[in-house]
C-alpha atoms as a PDB file:
ATOM      1  CA  MET A   1       3.685 -27.511 -30.617  1.00  0.00           C
ATOM      2  CA  ASN A   2       5.885 -27.363 -27.556  1.00  0.00           C
ATOM      3  CA  SER A   3       8.893 -25.108 -27.840  1.00  0.00           C
ATOM      4  CA  ILE A   4      10.849 -27.558 -25.647  1.00  0.00           C
ATOM      5  CA  PRO A   5      11.309 -30.928 -27.354  1.00  0.00           C
ATOM      6  CA  ASN A   6      10.641 -34.059 -25.322  1.00  0.00           C
ATOM      7  CA  ASP A   7      13.922 -35.686 -26.317  1.00  0.00           C
ATOM      8  CA  PRO A   8      15.669 -36.681 -23.034  1.00  0.00           C
ATOM      9  CA  ARG A   9      19.091 -35.593 -24.361  1.00  0.00           C
ATOM     10  CA  THR A  10      17.959 -32.005 -25.009  1.00  0.00           C
ATOM     11  CA  ILE A  11      15.810 -31.552 -21.885  1.00  0.00           C
ATOM     12  CA  ASN A  12      18.984 -31.467 -19.788  1.00  0.00           C
ATOM     13  CA  VAL A  13      20.230 -28.422 -21.703  1.00  0.00           C
ATOM     14  CA  TYR A  14      17.101 -26.447 -20.780  1.00  0.00           C
ATOM     15  CA  LEU A  15      17.397 -27.346 -17.099  1.00  0.00           C
ATOM     16  CA  LYS A  16      21.048 -26.271 -16.957  1.00  0.00           C
ATOM     17  CA  THR A  17      20.496 -22.776 -18.356  1.00  0.00           C
ATOM     18  CA  PRO A  18      19.852 -20.276 -15.547  1.00  0.00           C
ATOM     19  CA  ALA A  19      16.584 -18.378 -15.469  1.00  0.00           C
ATOM     20  CA  PRO A  20      16.834 -14.749 -16.619  1.00  0.00           C
ATOM     21  CA  ASN A  21      17.425 -12.387 -13.732  1.00  0.00           C
ATOM     22  CA  ARG A  22      14.220 -10.669 -12.705  1.00  0.00           C
ATOM     23  CA  PRO A  23      14.361  -7.232 -11.112  1.00  0.00           C
ATOM     24  CA  PRO A  24      13.460  -7.397  -7.411  1.00  0.00           C
ATOM     25  CA  GLN A  25       9.795  -6.738  -6.759  1.00  0.00           C
ATOM     26  CA  PRO A  26       9.006  -3.387  -5.128  1.00  0.00           C
ATOM     27  CA  ASP A  27       7.890  -3.518  -1.521  1.00  0.00           C
ATOM     28  CA  VAL A  28       4.206  -4.165  -0.930  1.00  0.00           C
ATOM     29  CA  ASP A  29       3.941  -0.757   0.779  1.00  0.00           C
ATOM     30  CA  ASP A  30       5.260   1.071  -2.296  1.00  0.00           C
ATOM     31  CA  ARG A  31       2.493  -0.311  -4.504  1.00  0.00           C
ATOM     32  CA  ARG A  32      -0.290   0.659  -2.107  1.00  0.00           C
ATOM     33  CA  PRO A  33      -1.689   4.160  -2.769  1.00  0.00           C
ATOM     34  CA  LEU A  34      -1.024   6.553   0.087  1.00  0.00           C
ATOM     35  CA  LYS A  35      -4.068   7.096   2.264  1.00  0.00           C
ATOM     36  CA  LYS A  36      -4.961  10.735   2.741  1.00  0.00           C
ATOM     37  CA  LYS A  37      -5.406  11.738   6.354  1.00  0.00           C
ATOM     38  CA  LYS A  38      -8.816  13.090   7.247  1.00  0.00           C
ATOM     39  CA  PRO A  39      -8.796  16.701   8.416  1.00  0.00           C
ATOM     40  CA  ALA A  40      -8.971  16.900  12.203  1.00  0.00           C
ATOM     41  CA  THR A  41     -12.496  17.566  13.436  1.00  0.00           C
ATOM     42  CA  MET A  42     -13.474  18.647  16.921  1.00  0.00           C
ATOM     43  CA  SER A  43     -15.163  16.024  19.060  1.00  0.00           C
ATOM     44  CA  GLU A  44     -18.711  16.636  20.225  1.00  0.00           C
ATOM     45  CA  ASP A  45     -17.449  17.399  23.750  1.00  0.00           C
ATOM     46  CA  ALA A  46     -14.934  19.934  22.465  1.00  0.00           C
ATOM     47  CA  LYS A  47     -17.629  21.648  20.399  1.00  0.00           C
ATOM     48  CA  ALA A  48     -19.950  21.861  23.401  1.00  0.00           C
ATOM     49  CA  LEU A  49     -17.212  23.260  25.647  1.00  0.00           C
ATOM     50  CA  SER A  50     -16.261  25.937  23.130  1.00  0.00           C
ATOM     51  CA  MET A  51     -19.922  26.957  22.781  1.00  0.00           C
ATOM     52  CA  ILE A  52     -20.271  27.250  26.562  1.00  0.00           C
ATOM     53  CA  ARG A  53     -17.076  29.312  26.774  1.00  0.00           C
ATOM     54  CA  GLN A  54     -18.338  31.686  24.085  1.00  0.00           C
ATOM     55  CA  MET A  55     -21.631  32.109  25.922  1.00  0.00           C
ATOM     56  CA  PHE A  56     -19.828  32.995  29.147  1.00  0.00           C
ATOM     57  CA  LYS A  57     -17.535  35.452  27.333  1.00  0.00           C
ATOM     58  CA  HIS A  58     -20.547  37.380  26.075  1.00  0.00           C
ATOM     59  CA  CYS A  59     -22.334  37.314  29.430  1.00  0.00           C
ATOM     60  CA  PHE A  60     -19.514  38.669  31.603  1.00  0.00           C
END
């Protein structure tokens, strides 16, 4: 059965009572898990340059 009766005299009472106060929802960002940053890796160009530098250090 319905908890709210369909009698028109009592329906008004339910509409007049304020809704219970809900706590404010947390921000969307707070609920999202923090993304871990990837460790910095050298680009292919940087790797090649460092290899060339090492070769020249040993040669001269």
